[in-house]
Amino acid sequence: MVSKEEDLLVLDDTNLDKPYAEKMDLVTYHWSGKHGRVIKGINLLTLLWTSDEKLIPCDFRVYDKPMGGSTKNESFRDILVEAGERGLKPGCVLFDSWYLAYATLSC
């Protein structure tokens, strides 16, 4: 379905708002650019392969640091490594600047 070379990989995170959750697994507090404040919800990292107008989800991670999980940057690097192991060789990887770290750039 995809050309494994030259296209783009896009990584972004999103919050699934859960304002009324009292005791629900994976619901923690996260910064929301949409709301401009910290909100209660589930944070999801998603990796997309894009070519022209096609958007194909390739991988995702639920951010669960409070329960001993990886940081968002560690999860991001894991996703990139797995994409490479699957044979994806993008022409460019697009992501928010706050993911920028030397360890990430060396993936």
PDB file of N, CA and C in Angstrom:
ATOM      1  N   MET A   1       0.809  -1.198   0.000  1.00  0.00           N
ATOM      2  CA  MET A   1       0.000   0.000   0.000  1.00  0.00           C
ATOM      3  C   MET A   1       0.854   1.265   0.000  1.00  0.00           C
ATOM      4  N   VAL A   2       2.112   1.163   0.451  1.00  0.00           N
ATOM      5  CA  VAL A   2       2.960   2.351   0.506  1.00  0.00           C
ATOM      6  C   VAL A   2       4.289   2.084  -0.177  1.00  0.00           C
ATOM      7  N   SER A   3       4.851   3.149  -0.705  1.00  0.00           N
ATOM      8  CA  SER A   3       6.231   3.103  -1.166  1.00  0.00           C
ATOM      9  C   SER A   3       7.077   3.271   0.085  1.00  0.00           C
ATOM     10  N   LYS A   4       7.977   2.346   0.361  1.00  0.00           N
ATOM     11  CA  LYS A   4       8.704   2.379   1.629  1.00  0.00           C
ATOM     12  C   LYS A   4       9.836   3.402   1.651  1.00  0.00           C
ATOM     13  N   GLU A   5      10.037   4.120   0.567  1.00  0.00           N
ATOM     14  CA  GLU A   5      11.104   5.109   0.521  1.00  0.00           C
ATOM     15  C   GLU A   5      10.571   6.444   0.020  1.00  0.00           C
ATOM     16  N   GLU A   6      11.225   7.496   0.443  1.00  0.00           N
ATOM     17  CA  GLU A   6      11.045   8.862  -0.044  1.00  0.00           C
ATOM     18  C   GLU A   6       9.821   9.608   0.464  1.00  0.00           C
ATOM     19  N   ASP A   7       8.799   8.955   0.923  1.00  0.00           N
ATOM     20  CA  ASP A   7       7.628   9.679   1.403  1.00  0.00           C
ATOM     21  C   ASP A   7       7.893  10.228   2.807  1.00  0.00           C
ATOM     22  N   LEU A   8       6.871  10.668   3.508  1.00  0.00           N
ATOM     23  CA  LEU A   8       7.028  11.310   4.811  1.00  0.00           C
ATOM     24  C   LEU A   8       6.456  10.463   5.944  1.00  0.00           C
ATOM     25  N   LEU A   9       7.135  10.523   7.088  1.00  0.00           N
ATOM     26  CA  LEU A   9       6.594   9.989   8.336  1.00  0.00           C
ATOM     27  C   LEU A   9       6.225  11.188   9.196  1.00  0.00           C
ATOM     28  N   VAL A  10       5.056  11.144   9.811  1.00  0.00           N
ATOM     29  CA  VAL A  10       4.587  12.232  10.668  1.00  0.00           C
ATOM     30  C   VAL A  10       4.250  11.652  12.029  1.00  0.00           C
ATOM     31  N   LEU A  11       4.848  12.225  13.084  1.00  0.00           N
ATOM     32  CA  LEU A  11       4.524  11.802  14.442  1.00  0.00           C
ATOM     33  C   LEU A  11       3.846  12.954  15.158  1.00  0.00           C
ATOM     34  N   ASP A  12       2.730  12.656  15.803  1.00  0.00           N
ATOM     35  CA  ASP A  12       2.047  13.678  16.583  1.00  0.00           C
ATOM     36  C   ASP A  12       1.362  13.008  17.769  1.00  0.00           C
ATOM     37  N   ASP A  13       1.097  13.802  18.787  1.00  0.00           N
ATOM     38  CA  ASP A  13       0.365  13.273  19.934  1.00  0.00           C
ATOM     39  C   ASP A  13      -0.959  14.002  20.033  1.00  0.00           C
ATOM     40  N   THR A  14      -1.906  13.341  20.622  1.00  0.00           N
ATOM     41  CA  THR A  14      -3.230  13.925  20.806  1.00  0.00           C
ATOM     42  C   THR A  14      -3.789  13.480  22.150  1.00  0.00           C
ATOM     43  N   ASN A  15      -4.643  14.304  22.695  1.00  0.00           N
ATOM     44  CA  ASN A  15      -5.307  13.968  23.951  1.00  0.00           C
ATOM     45  C   ASN A  15      -6.735  13.540  23.673  1.00  0.00           C
ATOM     46  N   LEU A  16      -7.109  12.439  24.238  1.00  0.00           N
ATOM     47  CA  LEU A  16      -8.497  11.988  24.201  1.00  0.00           C
ATOM     48  C   LEU A  16      -9.108  12.464  25.522  1.00  0.00           C
ATOM     49  N   ASP A  17      -9.844  13.556  25.466  1.00  0.00           N
ATOM     50  CA  ASP A  17     -10.386  14.184  26.680  1.00  0.00           C
ATOM     51  C   ASP A  17     -11.278  13.220  27.456  1.00  0.00           C
ATOM     52  N   LYS A  18     -11.041  13.152  28.754  1.00  0.00           N
ATOM     53  CA  LYS A  18     -11.867  12.349  29.660  1.00  0.00           C
ATOM     54  C   LYS A  18     -12.142  13.171  30.916  1.00  0.00           C
ATOM     55  N   PRO A  19     -12.851  14.296  30.786  1.00  0.00           N
ATOM     56  CA  PRO A  19     -13.017  15.214  31.917  1.00  0.00           C
ATOM     57  C   PRO A  19     -13.805  14.632  33.090  1.00  0.00           C
ATOM     58  N   TYR A  20     -14.626  13.630  32.844  1.00  0.00           N
ATOM     59  CA  TYR A  20     -15.471  13.095  33.908  1.00  0.00           C
ATOM     60  C   TYR A  20     -14.964  11.778  34.479  1.00  0.00           C
ATOM     61  N   ALA A  21     -13.798  11.327  34.024  1.00  0.00           N
ATOM     62  CA  ALA A  21     -13.250  10.054  34.503  1.00  0.00           C
ATOM     63  C   ALA A  21     -12.818  10.193  35.958  1.00  0.00           C
ATOM     64  N   GLU A  22     -13.281   9.298  36.777  1.00  0.00           N
ATOM     65  CA  GLU A  22     -12.886   9.287  38.191  1.00  0.00           C
ATOM     66  C   GLU A  22     -11.726   8.309  38.410  1.00  0.00           C
ATOM     67  N   LYS A  23     -11.951   7.058  38.074  1.00  0.00           N
ATOM     68  CA  LYS A  23     -10.918   6.028  38.240  1.00  0.00           C
ATOM     69  C   LYS A  23     -10.895   5.196  36.970  1.00  0.00           C
ATOM     70  N   MET A  24     -10.145   5.661  35.986  1.00  0.00           N
ATOM     71  CA  MET A  24     -10.082   4.978  34.704  1.00  0.00           C
ATOM     72  C   MET A  24      -8.615   4.782  34.337  1.00  0.00           C
ATOM     73  N   ASP A  25      -8.259   3.552  33.964  1.00  0.00           N
ATOM     74  CA  ASP A  25      -6.887   3.274  33.563  1.00  0.00           C
ATOM     75  C   ASP A  25      -6.463   4.206  32.442  1.00  0.00           C
ATOM     76  N   LEU A  26      -5.199   4.612  32.468  1.00  0.00           N
ATOM     77  CA  LEU A  26      -4.545   5.434  31.448  1.00  0.00           C
ATOM     78  C   LEU A  26      -4.961   6.903  31.456  1.00  0.00           C
ATOM     79  N   VAL A  27      -5.931   7.299  32.272  1.00  0.00           N
ATOM     80  CA  VAL A  27      -6.341   8.700  32.334  1.00  0.00           C
ATOM     81  C   VAL A  27      -5.442   9.429  33.329  1.00  0.00           C
ATOM     82  N   THR A  28      -4.705  10.412  32.812  1.00  0.00           N
ATOM     83  CA  THR A  28      -3.832  11.245  33.632  1.00  0.00           C
ATOM     84  C   THR A  28      -3.951  12.673  33.122  1.00  0.00           C
ATOM     85  N   TYR A  29      -3.155  13.556  33.686  1.00  0.00           N
ATOM     86  CA  TYR A  29      -3.196  14.963  33.295  1.00  0.00           C
ATOM     87  C   TYR A  29      -2.136  15.246  32.238  1.00  0.00           C
ATOM     88  N   HIS A  30      -2.531  15.970  31.186  1.00  0.00           N
ATOM     89  CA  HIS A  30      -1.647  16.300  30.065  1.00  0.00           C
ATOM     90  C   HIS A  30      -1.905  17.735  29.630  1.00  0.00           C
ATOM     91  N   TRP A  31      -0.858  18.372  29.101  1.00  0.00           N
ATOM     92  CA  TRP A  31      -1.033  19.693  28.511  1.00  0.00           C
ATOM     93  C   TRP A  31      -1.812  19.547  27.212  1.00  0.00           C
ATOM     94  N   SER A  32      -2.769  20.409  27.002  1.00  0.00           N
ATOM     95  CA  SER A  32      -3.565  20.411  25.781  1.00  0.00           C
ATOM     96  C   SER A  32      -3.405  21.748  25.071  1.00  0.00           C
ATOM     97  N   GLY A  33      -2.827  21.717  23.865  1.00  0.00           N
ATOM     98  CA  GLY A  33      -2.737  22.927  23.065  1.00  0.00           C
ATOM     99  C   GLY A  33      -4.110  23.403  22.633  1.00  0.00           C
ATOM    100  N   LYS A  34      -5.003  22.465  22.415  1.00  0.00           N
ATOM    101  CA  LYS A  34      -6.374  22.804  22.018  1.00  0.00           C
ATOM    102  C   LYS A  34      -7.080  23.637  23.090  1.00  0.00           C
ATOM    103  N   HIS A  35      -6.925  23.219  24.353  1.00  0.00           N
ATOM    104  CA  HIS A  35      -7.603  23.901  25.444  1.00  0.00           C
ATOM    105  C   HIS A  35      -6.740  24.998  26.077  1.00  0.00           C
ATOM    106  N   GLY A  36      -5.419  24.960  25.814  1.00  0.00           N
ATOM    107  CA  GLY A  36      -4.515  25.949  26.396  1.00  0.00           C
ATOM    108  C   GLY A  36      -4.310  25.772  27.886  1.00  0.00           C
ATOM    109  N   ARG A  37      -4.470  24.553  28.370  1.00  0.00           N
ATOM    110  CA  ARG A  37      -4.321  24.253  29.799  1.00  0.00           C
ATOM    111  C   ARG A  37      -4.136  22.745  29.970  1.00  0.00           C
ATOM    112  N   VAL A  38      -3.873  22.341  31.190  1.00  0.00           N
ATOM    113  CA  VAL A  38      -3.757  20.924  31.512  1.00  0.00           C
ATOM    114  C   VAL A  38      -5.157  20.337  31.597  1.00  0.00           C
ATOM    115  N   ILE A  39      -5.329  19.171  30.977  1.00  0.00           N
ATOM    116  CA  ILE A  39      -6.639  18.501  30.994  1.00  0.00           C
ATOM    117  C   ILE A  39      -6.462  17.053  31.424  1.00  0.00           C
ATOM    118  N   LYS A  40      -7.559  16.437  31.801  1.00  0.00           N
ATOM    119  CA  LYS A  40      -7.567  15.029  32.164  1.00  0.00           C
ATOM    120  C   LYS A  40      -7.944  14.228  30.917  1.00  0.00           C
ATOM    121  N   GLY A  41      -7.108  13.217  30.590  1.00  0.00           N
ATOM    122  CA  GLY A  41      -7.417  12.414  29.422  1.00  0.00           C
ATOM    123  C   GLY A  41      -6.377  11.340  29.172  1.00  0.00           C
ATOM    124  N   ILE A  42      -6.465  10.741  28.021  1.00  0.00           N
ATOM    125  CA  ILE A  42      -5.529   9.714  27.570  1.00  0.00           C
ATOM    126  C   ILE A  42      -4.688  10.332  26.465  1.00  0.00           C
ATOM    127  N   ASN A  43      -3.356  10.230  26.574  1.00  0.00           N
ATOM    128  CA  ASN A  43      -2.472  10.809  25.572  1.00  0.00           C
ATOM    129  C   ASN A  43      -2.009   9.718  24.625  1.00  0.00           C
ATOM    130  N   LEU A  44      -2.174   9.960  23.338  1.00  0.00           N
ATOM    131  CA  LEU A  44      -1.883   8.973  22.306  1.00  0.00           C
ATOM    132  C   LEU A  44      -0.862   9.529  21.315  1.00  0.00           C
ATOM    133  N   LEU A  45       0.232   8.787  21.090  1.00  0.00           N
ATOM    134  CA  LEU A  45       1.219   9.125  20.062  1.00  0.00           C
ATOM    135  C   LEU A  45       0.881   8.315  18.818  1.00  0.00           C
ATOM    136  N   THR A  46       0.862   8.964  17.661  1.00  0.00           N
ATOM    137  CA  THR A  46       0.500   8.293  16.419  1.00  0.00           C
ATOM    138  C   THR A  46       1.538   8.568  15.352  1.00  0.00           C
ATOM    139  N   LEU A  47       1.901   7.525  14.596  1.00  0.00           N
ATOM    140  CA  LEU A  47       2.832   7.656  13.481  1.00  0.00           C
ATOM    141  C   LEU A  47       2.069   7.415  12.184  1.00  0.00           C
ATOM    142  N   LEU A  48       2.163   8.377  11.260  1.00  0.00           N
ATOM    143  CA  LEU A  48       1.498   8.277   9.966  1.00  0.00           C
ATOM    144  C   LEU A  48       2.522   8.256   8.850  1.00  0.00           C
ATOM    145  N   TRP A  49       2.256   7.469   7.829  1.00  0.00           N
ATOM    146  CA  TRP A  49       3.017   7.486   6.579  1.00  0.00           C
ATOM    147  C   TRP A  49       2.168   8.274   5.599  1.00  0.00           C
ATOM    148  N   THR A  50       2.760   9.275   4.956  1.00  0.00           N
ATOM    149  CA  THR A  50       1.974  10.069   4.029  1.00  0.00           C
ATOM    150  C   THR A  50       2.676  10.210   2.684  1.00  0.00           C
ATOM    151  N   SER A  51       1.887  10.095   1.655  1.00  0.00           N
ATOM    152  CA  SER A  51       2.350  10.237   0.282  1.00  0.00           C
ATOM    153  C   SER A  51       1.246  10.955  -0.480  1.00  0.00           C
ATOM    154  N   ASP A  52       1.561  12.106  -1.015  1.00  0.00           N
ATOM    155  CA  ASP A  52       0.561  12.920  -1.696  1.00  0.00           C
ATOM    156  C   ASP A  52      -0.614  13.159  -0.742  1.00  0.00           C
ATOM    157  N   GLU A  53      -1.766  12.615  -1.040  1.00  0.00           N
ATOM    158  CA  GLU A  53      -2.921  12.835  -0.170  1.00  0.00           C
ATOM    159  C   GLU A  53      -3.282  11.625   0.681  1.00  0.00           C
ATOM    160  N   LYS A  54      -2.464  10.595   0.645  1.00  0.00           N
ATOM    161  CA  LYS A  54      -2.720   9.395   1.454  1.00  0.00           C
ATOM    162  C   LYS A  54      -2.176   9.607   2.862  1.00  0.00           C
ATOM    163  N   LEU A  55      -2.940   9.189   3.857  1.00  0.00           N
ATOM    164  CA  LEU A  55      -2.502   9.178   5.254  1.00  0.00           C
ATOM    165  C   LEU A  55      -2.732   7.776   5.785  1.00  0.00           C
ATOM    166  N   ILE A  56      -1.648   7.077   6.107  1.00  0.00           N
ATOM    167  CA  ILE A  56      -1.765   5.686   6.539  1.00  0.00           C
ATOM    168  C   ILE A  56      -1.164   5.541   7.936  1.00  0.00           C
ATOM    169  N   PRO A  57      -1.988   5.218   8.945  1.00  0.00           N
ATOM    170  CA  PRO A  57      -1.445   5.003  10.290  1.00  0.00           C
ATOM    171  C   PRO A  57      -0.516   3.797  10.290  1.00  0.00           C
ATOM    172  N   CYS A  58       0.656   3.975  10.887  1.00  0.00           N
ATOM    173  CA  CYS A  58       1.653   2.891  10.916  1.00  0.00           C
ATOM    174  C   CYS A  58       1.886   2.346  12.319  1.00  0.00           C
ATOM    175  N   ASP A  59       1.721   3.189  13.326  1.00  0.00           N
ATOM    176  CA  ASP A  59       2.026   2.763  14.688  1.00  0.00           C
ATOM    177  C   ASP A  59       1.386   3.749  15.659  1.00  0.00           C
ATOM    178  N   PHE A  60       1.233   3.326  16.896  1.00  0.00           N
ATOM    179  CA  PHE A  60       0.739   4.224  17.935  1.00  0.00           C
ATOM    180  C   PHE A  60       1.222   3.731  19.288  1.00  0.00           C
ATOM    181  N   ARG A  61       1.238   4.624  20.252  1.00  0.00           N
ATOM    182  CA  ARG A  61       1.579   4.307  21.632  1.00  0.00           C
ATOM    183  C   ARG A  61       0.669   5.123  22.543  1.00  0.00           C
ATOM    184  N   VAL A  62       0.223   4.525  23.615  1.00  0.00           N
ATOM    185  CA  VAL A  62      -0.485   5.258  24.654  1.00  0.00           C
ATOM    186  C   VAL A  62       0.572   5.698  25.656  1.00  0.00           C
ATOM    187  N   TYR A  63       0.609   6.989  25.939  1.00  0.00           N
ATOM    188  CA  TYR A  63       1.583   7.518  26.900  1.00  0.00           C
ATOM    189  C   TYR A  63       1.095   7.202  28.307  1.00  0.00           C
ATOM    190  N   ASP A  64       1.926   6.457  29.041  1.00  0.00           N
ATOM    191  CA  ASP A  64       1.528   6.007  30.377  1.00  0.00           C
ATOM    192  C   ASP A  64       2.684   6.154  31.360  1.00  0.00           C
ATOM    193  N   LYS A  65       3.375   7.277  31.340  1.00  0.00           N
ATOM    194  CA  LYS A  65       4.520   7.508  32.214  1.00  0.00           C
ATOM    195  C   LYS A  65       4.180   7.386  33.701  1.00  0.00           C
ATOM    196  N   PRO A  66       3.046   7.919  34.167  1.00  0.00           N
ATOM    197  CA  PRO A  66       2.758   7.817  35.598  1.00  0.00           C
ATOM    198  C   PRO A  66       2.728   6.375  36.115  1.00  0.00           C
ATOM    199  N   MET A  67       2.480   5.416  35.241  1.00  0.00           N
ATOM    200  CA  MET A  67       2.426   4.020  35.669  1.00  0.00           C
ATOM    201  C   MET A  67       3.744   3.293  35.361  1.00  0.00           C
ATOM    202  N   GLY A  68       4.829   4.048  35.206  1.00  0.00           N
ATOM    203  CA  GLY A  68       6.131   3.433  34.991  1.00  0.00           C
ATOM    204  C   GLY A  68       6.467   3.192  33.534  1.00  0.00           C
ATOM    205  N   GLY A  69       5.722   3.787  32.631  1.00  0.00           N
ATOM    206  CA  GLY A  69       5.993   3.621  31.207  1.00  0.00           C
ATOM    207  C   GLY A  69       7.138   4.501  30.738  1.00  0.00           C
ATOM    208  N   SER A  70       7.364   4.503  29.443  1.00  0.00           N
ATOM    209  CA  SER A  70       8.407   5.305  28.836  1.00  0.00           C
ATOM    210  C   SER A  70       7.987   6.768  28.777  1.00  0.00           C
ATOM    211  N   THR A  71       8.996   7.658  28.635  1.00  0.00           N
ATOM    212  CA  THR A  71       8.680   9.061  28.388  1.00  0.00           C
ATOM    213  C   THR A  71       8.169   9.182  26.952  1.00  0.00           C
ATOM    214  N   LYS A  72       7.612  10.336  26.613  1.00  0.00           N
ATOM    215  CA  LYS A  72       7.147  10.529  25.240  1.00  0.00           C
ATOM    216  C   LYS A  72       8.313  10.458  24.265  1.00  0.00           C
ATOM    217  N   ASN A  73       9.467  11.033  24.633  1.00  0.00           N
ATOM    218  CA  ASN A  73      10.629  10.973  23.746  1.00  0.00           C
ATOM    219  C   ASN A  73      11.112   9.539  23.557  1.00  0.00           C
ATOM    220  N   GLU A  74      11.123   8.750  24.619  1.00  0.00           N
ATOM    221  CA  GLU A  74      11.525   7.346  24.493  1.00  0.00           C
ATOM    222  C   GLU A  74      10.542   6.588  23.605  1.00  0.00           C
ATOM    223  N   SER A  75       9.260   6.838  23.771  1.00  0.00           N
ATOM    224  CA  SER A  75       8.252   6.192  22.930  1.00  0.00           C
ATOM    225  C   SER A  75       8.413   6.608  21.478  1.00  0.00           C
ATOM    226  N   PHE A  76       8.701   7.887  21.250  1.00  0.00           N
ATOM    227  CA  PHE A  76       8.926   8.397  19.899  1.00  0.00           C
ATOM    228  C   PHE A  76      10.103   7.672  19.248  1.00  0.00           C
ATOM    229  N   ARG A  77      11.200   7.535  19.990  1.00  0.00           N
ATOM    230  CA  ARG A  77      12.372   6.833  19.438  1.00  0.00           C
ATOM    231  C   ARG A  77      12.050   5.367  19.164  1.00  0.00           C
ATOM    232  N   ASP A  78      11.300   4.720  20.046  1.00  0.00           N
ATOM    233  CA  ASP A  78      10.902   3.326  19.818  1.00  0.00           C
ATOM    234  C   ASP A  78      10.099   3.188  18.529  1.00  0.00           C
ATOM    235  N   ILE A  79       9.174   4.130  18.314  1.00  0.00           N
ATOM    236  CA  ILE A  79       8.359   4.103  17.095  1.00  0.00           C
ATOM    237  C   ILE A  79       9.238   4.253  15.859  1.00  0.00           C
ATOM    238  N   LEU A  80      10.215   5.174  15.905  1.00  0.00           N
ATOM    239  CA  LEU A  80      11.106   5.384  14.760  1.00  0.00           C
ATOM    240  C   LEU A  80      11.956   4.150  14.469  1.00  0.00           C
ATOM    241  N   VAL A  81      12.480   3.534  15.522  1.00  0.00           N
ATOM    242  CA  VAL A  81      13.300   2.331  15.353  1.00  0.00           C
ATOM    243  C   VAL A  81      12.465   1.219  14.722  1.00  0.00           C
ATOM    244  N   GLU A  82      11.251   1.012  15.222  1.00  0.00           N
ATOM    245  CA  GLU A  82      10.385  -0.031  14.666  1.00  0.00           C
ATOM    246  C   GLU A  82      10.005   0.255  13.220  1.00  0.00           C
ATOM    247  N   ALA A  83       9.798   1.527  12.887  1.00  0.00           N
ATOM    248  CA  ALA A  83       9.491   1.890  11.494  1.00  0.00           C
ATOM    249  C   ALA A  83      10.667   1.503  10.595  1.00  0.00           C
ATOM    250  N   GLY A  84      11.886   1.755  11.058  1.00  0.00           N
ATOM    251  CA  GLY A  84      13.073   1.363  10.299  1.00  0.00           C
ATOM    252  C   GLY A  84      13.175  -0.145  10.159  1.00  0.00           C
ATOM    253  N   GLU A  85      12.857  -0.885  11.224  1.00  0.00           N
ATOM    254  CA  GLU A  85      12.893  -2.350  11.174  1.00  0.00           C
ATOM    255  C   GLU A  85      11.850  -2.905  10.203  1.00  0.00           C
ATOM    256  N   ARG A  86      10.776  -2.146   9.973  1.00  0.00           N
ATOM    257  CA  ARG A  86       9.743  -2.555   9.016  1.00  0.00           C
ATOM    258  C   ARG A  86      10.098  -2.178   7.583  1.00  0.00           C
ATOM    259  N   GLY A  87      11.261  -1.547   7.419  1.00  0.00           N
ATOM    260  CA  GLY A  87      11.725  -1.200   6.086  1.00  0.00           C
ATOM    261  C   GLY A  87      11.335   0.179   5.603  1.00  0.00           C
ATOM    262  N   LEU A  88      10.744   0.996   6.462  1.00  0.00           N
ATOM    263  CA  LEU A  88      10.376   2.349   6.059  1.00  0.00           C
ATOM    264  C   LEU A  88      11.616   3.239   6.050  1.00  0.00           C
ATOM    265  N   LYS A  89      11.836   3.920   4.952  1.00  0.00           N
ATOM    266  CA  LYS A  89      12.971   4.830   4.801  1.00  0.00           C
ATOM    267  C   LYS A  89      12.442   6.156   4.265  1.00  0.00           C
ATOM    268  N   PRO A  90      11.850   6.961   5.132  1.00  0.00           N
ATOM    269  CA  PRO A  90      11.206   8.192   4.666  1.00  0.00           C
ATOM    270  C   PRO A  90      12.213   9.220   4.181  1.00  0.00           C
ATOM    271  N   GLY A  91      11.744  10.077   3.305  1.00  0.00           N
ATOM    272  CA  GLY A  91      12.565  11.194   2.872  1.00  0.00           C
ATOM    273  C   GLY A  91      12.695  12.226   3.975  1.00  0.00           C
ATOM    274  N   CYS A  92      11.708  12.265   4.866  1.00  0.00           N
ATOM    275  CA  CYS A  92      11.692  13.247   5.950  1.00  0.00           C
ATOM    276  C   CYS A  92      10.781  12.729   7.067  1.00  0.00           C
ATOM    277  N   VAL A  93      11.133  13.071   8.307  1.00  0.00           N
ATOM    278  CA  VAL A  93      10.296  12.757   9.461  1.00  0.00           C
ATOM    279  C   VAL A  93       9.845  14.085  10.069  1.00  0.00           C
ATOM    280  N   LEU A  94       8.551  14.286  10.201  1.00  0.00           N
ATOM    281  CA  LEU A  94       7.997  15.534  10.737  1.00  0.00           C
ATOM    282  C   LEU A  94       7.451  15.292  12.137  1.00  0.00           C
ATOM    283  N   PHE A  95       7.785  16.213  13.065  1.00  0.00           N
ATOM    284  CA  PHE A  95       7.323  16.088  14.443  1.00  0.00           C
ATOM    285  C   PHE A  95       7.414  17.437  15.134  1.00  0.00           C
ATOM    286  N   ASP A  96       6.726  17.565  16.267  1.00  0.00           N
ATOM    287  CA  ASP A  96       6.775  18.798  17.051  1.00  0.00           C
ATOM    288  C   ASP A  96       8.186  19.037  17.566  1.00  0.00           C
ATOM    289  N   SER A  97       8.576  20.307  17.658  1.00  0.00           N
ATOM    290  CA  SER A  97       9.950  20.654  18.042  1.00  0.00           C
ATOM    291  C   SER A  97      10.301  20.202  19.458  1.00  0.00           C
ATOM    292  N   TRP A  98       9.330  20.029  20.322  1.00  0.00           N
ATOM    293  CA  TRP A  98       9.689  19.644  21.687  1.00  0.00           C
ATOM    294  C   TRP A  98      10.159  18.188  21.783  1.00  0.00           C
ATOM    295  N   TYR A  99       9.991  17.384  20.720  1.00  0.00           N
ATOM    296  CA  TYR A  99      10.564  16.037  20.689  1.00  0.00           C
ATOM    297  C   TYR A  99      12.049  16.074  20.355  1.00  0.00           C
ATOM    298  N   LEU A 100      12.539  17.247  19.958  1.00  0.00           N
ATOM    299  CA  LEU A 100      13.914  17.380  19.493  1.00  0.00           C
ATOM    300  C   LEU A 100      14.900  17.097  20.618  1.00  0.00           C
ATOM    301  N   ALA A 101      15.699  16.066  20.430  1.00  0.00           N
ATOM    302  CA  ALA A 101      16.755  15.700  21.374  1.00  0.00           C
ATOM    303  C   ALA A 101      17.824  14.971  20.575  1.00  0.00           C
ATOM    304  N   TYR A 102      19.072  15.053  21.043  1.00  0.00           N
ATOM    305  CA  TYR A 102      20.161  14.409  20.325  1.00  0.00           C
ATOM    306  C   TYR A 102      19.890  12.920  20.114  1.00  0.00           C
ATOM    307  N   ALA A 103      19.402  12.256  21.164  1.00  0.00           N
ATOM    308  CA  ALA A 103      19.122  10.817  21.062  1.00  0.00           C
ATOM    309  C   ALA A 103      18.078  10.528  19.979  1.00  0.00           C
ATOM    310  N   THR A 104      17.126  11.426  19.807  1.00  0.00           N
ATOM    311  CA  THR A 104      16.103  11.246  18.783  1.00  0.00           C
ATOM    312  C   THR A 104      16.678  11.445  17.393  1.00  0.00           C
ATOM    313  N   LEU A 105      17.513  12.466  17.234  1.00  0.00           N
ATOM    314  CA  LEU A 105      18.101  12.745  15.929  1.00  0.00           C
ATOM    315  C   LEU A 105      19.067  11.654  15.472  1.00  0.00           C
ATOM    316  N   SER A 106      19.606  10.900  16.405  1.00  0.00           N
ATOM    317  CA  SER A 106      20.554   9.846  16.035  1.00  0.00           C
ATOM    318  C   SER A 106      19.885   8.511  15.757  1.00  0.00           C
ATOM    319  N   CYS A 107      18.549   8.459  15.788  1.00  0.00           N
ATOM    320  CA  CYS A 107      17.831   7.194  15.526  1.00  0.00           C
ATOM    321  C   CYS A 107      18.018   6.756  14.097  1.00  0.00           C
TER     322      CYS A 107
END
